[in-house]
Amino acid sequence: MINQDIIEKAKNIKLLLLDADGVLTDGKIYYGSYGDEIKAFDVKDGLSLSLWNRAGKMSCIITAKKSSLLKRRARELRVFKVYQNAFRKIDVYEKIKKKFRLQDSQICFIGDDLIDIAVLKRVGLSITVLDAPSEVREVAHYMTDNKGGSGAVREVVEIILKAQGAWKNLIQGLGSD
């Protein structure tokens, strides 16, 4: 069962910020013999981001790495913007917050590693994944039951949209009960 404090924080969320490697993927990067990069994305995470969009919510990705694969996946999922090469994620976070005219309490960030701590400390709902290091788990409001790249984003989207009373109507649109 989700802690009531998490549910209350989730009710305010308008913007979902995501790290990429270790959150949308399992954090592994595979290189082919021709220099091509291969990443695996979880389809459950993808469906949940589609539902997030359908609910009229915005999402952005902040990542320290640059990846054409990530940009492609984000475009497929209608992620509003991907901020790549963001080594100081807190600076990008402040720009995003200003651009959307949001308060910290209206933003959820899912991060998985040390580089994410500054943003995790600032947002209204900070989330990390099951396999995050202890330093990250200590600052996050919530740790997912799933690892990054294995449904962690789906878990978070479901928590937020259920807290906001939107989940049931969204999934009915998919043909389920």
Protein backbone atom coordinates (compact mmCIF):
# COMPACT_ATOMS: atom_id res chain seq x y z
CA MET A 1 0.00 0.00 0.00
CA ILE A 2 1.22 3.48 -0.87
CA ASN A 3 1.92 5.85 2.02
CA GLN A 4 -0.73 8.61 2.38
CA ASP A 5 1.96 11.31 2.22
CA ILE A 6 2.99 10.04 -1.25
CA ILE A 7 -0.65 10.08 -2.39
CA GLU A 8 -1.06 13.68 -1.19
CA LYS A 9 2.12 14.76 -2.99
CA ALA A 10 0.99 12.91 -6.13
CA LYS A 11 -2.30 14.83 -6.25
CA ASN A 12 -0.39 18.04 -7.08
CA ILE A 13 1.78 16.71 -9.92
CA LYS A 14 1.45 18.34 -13.35
CA LEU A 15 4.87 17.60 -14.83
CA LEU A 16 6.78 14.33 -14.87
CA LEU A 17 10.56 14.59 -15.27
CA LEU A 18 12.53 11.47 -16.03
CA ASP A 19 16.14 10.48 -16.11
CA ALA A 20 16.80 8.11 -19.01
CA ASP A 21 19.48 5.48 -18.39
CA GLY A 22 18.57 3.53 -15.28
CA VAL A 23 14.97 4.81 -15.28
CA LEU A 24 13.57 4.36 -18.80
CA THR A 25 16.20 1.69 -19.44
CA ASP A 26 18.02 -0.81 -17.24
CA GLY A 27 21.08 1.43 -17.39
CA LYS A 28 23.05 -0.87 -19.66
CA ILE A 29 24.41 0.45 -22.92
CA TYR A 30 25.29 -2.01 -25.66
CA TYR A 31 27.57 -1.09 -28.54
CA GLY A 32 27.52 -2.96 -31.82
CA SER A 33 30.62 -3.66 -33.89
CA TYR A 34 29.81 -0.70 -36.16
CA GLY A 35 29.61 1.76 -33.27
CA ASP A 36 25.85 1.57 -33.07
CA GLU A 37 24.23 1.90 -29.66
CA ILE A 38 21.47 -0.39 -28.43
CA LYS A 39 19.09 0.30 -25.54
CA ALA A 40 16.00 -1.54 -24.34
CA PHE A 41 12.86 0.34 -23.30
CA ASP A 42 9.98 -1.27 -21.40
CA VAL A 43 6.67 -1.22 -23.29
CA LYS A 44 4.74 -0.90 -20.02
CA ASP A 45 6.59 2.33 -19.32
CA GLY A 46 5.77 3.46 -22.83
CA LEU A 47 2.05 2.76 -22.45
CA SER A 48 1.98 4.59 -19.14
CA LEU A 49 3.57 7.67 -20.72
CA SER A 50 0.92 7.52 -23.44
CA LEU A 51 -1.74 7.46 -20.73
CA TRP A 52 0.04 10.36 -19.01
CA ASN A 53 -0.24 12.36 -22.24
CA ARG A 54 -3.86 11.35 -22.69
CA ALA A 55 -4.52 12.74 -19.19
CA GLY A 56 -3.26 16.11 -20.46
CA LYS A 57 0.00 15.96 -18.51
CA MET A 58 3.46 16.97 -19.68
CA SER A 59 6.70 15.01 -19.44
CA CYS A 60 10.35 15.83 -20.09
CA ILE A 61 13.57 13.85 -19.94
CA ILE A 62 16.80 15.15 -18.40
CA THR A 63 19.86 13.04 -19.15
CA ALA A 64 23.61 13.51 -18.87
CA LYS A 65 24.20 11.44 -22.00
CA LYS A 66 23.35 12.15 -25.63
CA SER A 67 21.50 9.45 -27.50
CA SER A 68 19.66 9.47 -30.81
CA LEU A 69 17.81 6.34 -29.67
CA LEU A 70 16.43 8.16 -26.65
CA LYS A 71 15.32 11.06 -28.81
CA ARG A 72 13.52 8.63 -31.11
CA ARG A 73 11.77 6.86 -28.23
CA ALA A 74 10.78 10.18 -26.65
CA ARG A 75 9.27 11.32 -29.95
CA GLU A 76 7.26 8.06 -30.18
CA LEU A 77 5.94 8.64 -26.66
CA ARG A 78 5.26 12.35 -27.23
CA VAL A 79 7.59 13.44 -24.46
CA PHE A 80 7.53 17.24 -24.65
CA LYS A 81 11.29 17.79 -24.58
CA VAL A 82 14.51 15.84 -24.08
CA TYR A 83 17.37 17.70 -22.43
CA GLN A 84 20.60 15.86 -23.26
CA ASN A 85 24.19 16.42 -22.10
CA ALA A 86 22.74 17.79 -18.85
CA PHE A 87 25.51 17.20 -16.34
CA ARG A 88 24.08 19.78 -13.94
CA LYS A 89 20.50 18.61 -13.97
CA ILE A 90 19.46 21.13 -11.34
CA ASP A 91 20.17 23.97 -13.80
CA VAL A 92 17.99 22.34 -16.44
CA TYR A 93 15.34 21.70 -13.81
CA GLU A 94 15.18 25.40 -12.93
CA LYS A 95 14.77 26.30 -16.62
CA ILE A 96 11.96 23.77 -17.03
CA LYS A 97 10.20 24.97 -13.89
CA LYS A 98 10.35 28.57 -15.12
CA LYS A 99 9.27 27.64 -18.67
CA PHE A 100 6.14 25.83 -17.43
CA ARG A 101 5.52 28.31 -14.59
CA LEU A 102 5.32 25.53 -12.03
CA GLN A 103 6.12 25.24 -8.35
CA ASP A 104 8.38 22.48 -7.02
CA SER A 105 5.30 20.83 -5.49
CA GLN A 106 3.82 20.32 -8.98
CA ILE A 107 6.78 18.37 -10.33
CA CYS A 108 7.73 14.73 -9.96
CA PHE A 109 11.22 13.54 -10.87
CA ILE A 110 12.34 9.93 -11.24
CA GLY A 111 16.10 9.54 -10.93
CA ASP A 112 18.40 6.65 -10.19
CA ASP A 113 21.93 7.85 -9.53
CA LEU A 114 24.11 10.36 -7.72
CA ILE A 115 23.83 12.97 -10.48
CA ASP A 116 20.07 13.12 -9.79
CA ILE A 117 20.24 13.96 -6.07
CA ALA A 118 20.03 17.77 -6.39
CA VAL A 119 16.80 17.56 -8.41
CA LEU A 120 15.37 14.82 -6.19
CA LYS A 121 15.86 17.10 -3.18
CA ARG A 122 14.00 19.97 -4.86
CA VAL A 123 10.86 18.49 -6.45
CA GLY A 124 7.50 17.96 -4.80
CA LEU A 125 7.57 14.20 -5.41
CA SER A 126 10.97 12.57 -5.71
CA ILE A 127 11.16 8.97 -6.82
CA THR A 128 13.96 6.52 -7.31
CA VAL A 129 14.08 2.98 -8.61
CA LEU A 130 14.62 -0.26 -6.73
CA ASP A 131 18.26 -0.64 -7.76
CA ALA A 132 19.37 2.93 -6.94
CA PRO A 133 22.37 3.46 -4.63
CA SER A 134 21.70 4.13 -0.95
CA GLU A 135 22.59 7.85 -1.24
CA VAL A 136 19.78 8.29 -3.75
CA ARG A 137 17.29 6.15 -1.83
CA GLU A 138 17.91 8.30 1.26
CA VAL A 139 16.73 11.53 -0.42
CA ALA A 140 13.80 10.16 -2.44
CA HIS A 141 10.25 10.30 -1.10
CA TYR A 142 9.47 6.92 -2.69
CA MET A 143 11.35 3.94 -4.11
CA THR A 144 9.63 1.85 -6.77
CA ASP A 145 9.08 -1.87 -6.44
CA ASN A 146 10.48 -2.23 -9.96
CA LYS A 147 13.95 -1.64 -11.33
CA GLY A 148 14.65 0.99 -13.94
CA GLY A 149 13.75 -0.21 -17.42
CA SER A 150 11.40 -2.80 -15.92
CA GLY A 151 8.17 -0.96 -15.27
CA ALA A 152 9.31 1.65 -12.72
CA VAL A 153 7.90 4.52 -14.76
CA ARG A 154 4.59 2.67 -15.17
CA GLU A 155 4.42 2.21 -11.42
CA VAL A 156 4.90 5.94 -10.81
CA VAL A 157 2.45 7.09 -13.47
CA GLU A 158 -0.15 4.74 -12.05
CA ILE A 159 0.36 6.06 -8.51
CA ILE A 160 0.01 9.68 -9.63
CA LEU A 161 -2.96 9.19 -11.93
CA LYS A 162 -4.79 7.06 -9.34
CA ALA A 163 -4.17 9.74 -6.69
CA GLN A 164 -5.64 12.30 -9.09
CA GLY A 165 -8.65 10.11 -9.89
CA ALA A 166 -7.82 9.79 -13.59
CA TRP A 167 -6.48 6.22 -13.88
CA LYS A 168 -9.76 4.30 -14.18
CA ASN A 169 -11.18 6.48 -16.98
CA LEU A 170 -7.90 6.33 -18.90
CA ILE A 171 -7.65 2.56 -18.85
CA GLN A 172 -11.33 2.19 -19.79
CA GLY A 173 -10.36 3.94 -22.99
CA LEU A 174 -8.06 1.00 -23.68
CA GLY A 175 -10.92 -1.50 -23.58
CA SER A 176 -10.30 -2.86 -20.08
CA ASP A 177 -12.66 -2.79 -17.10
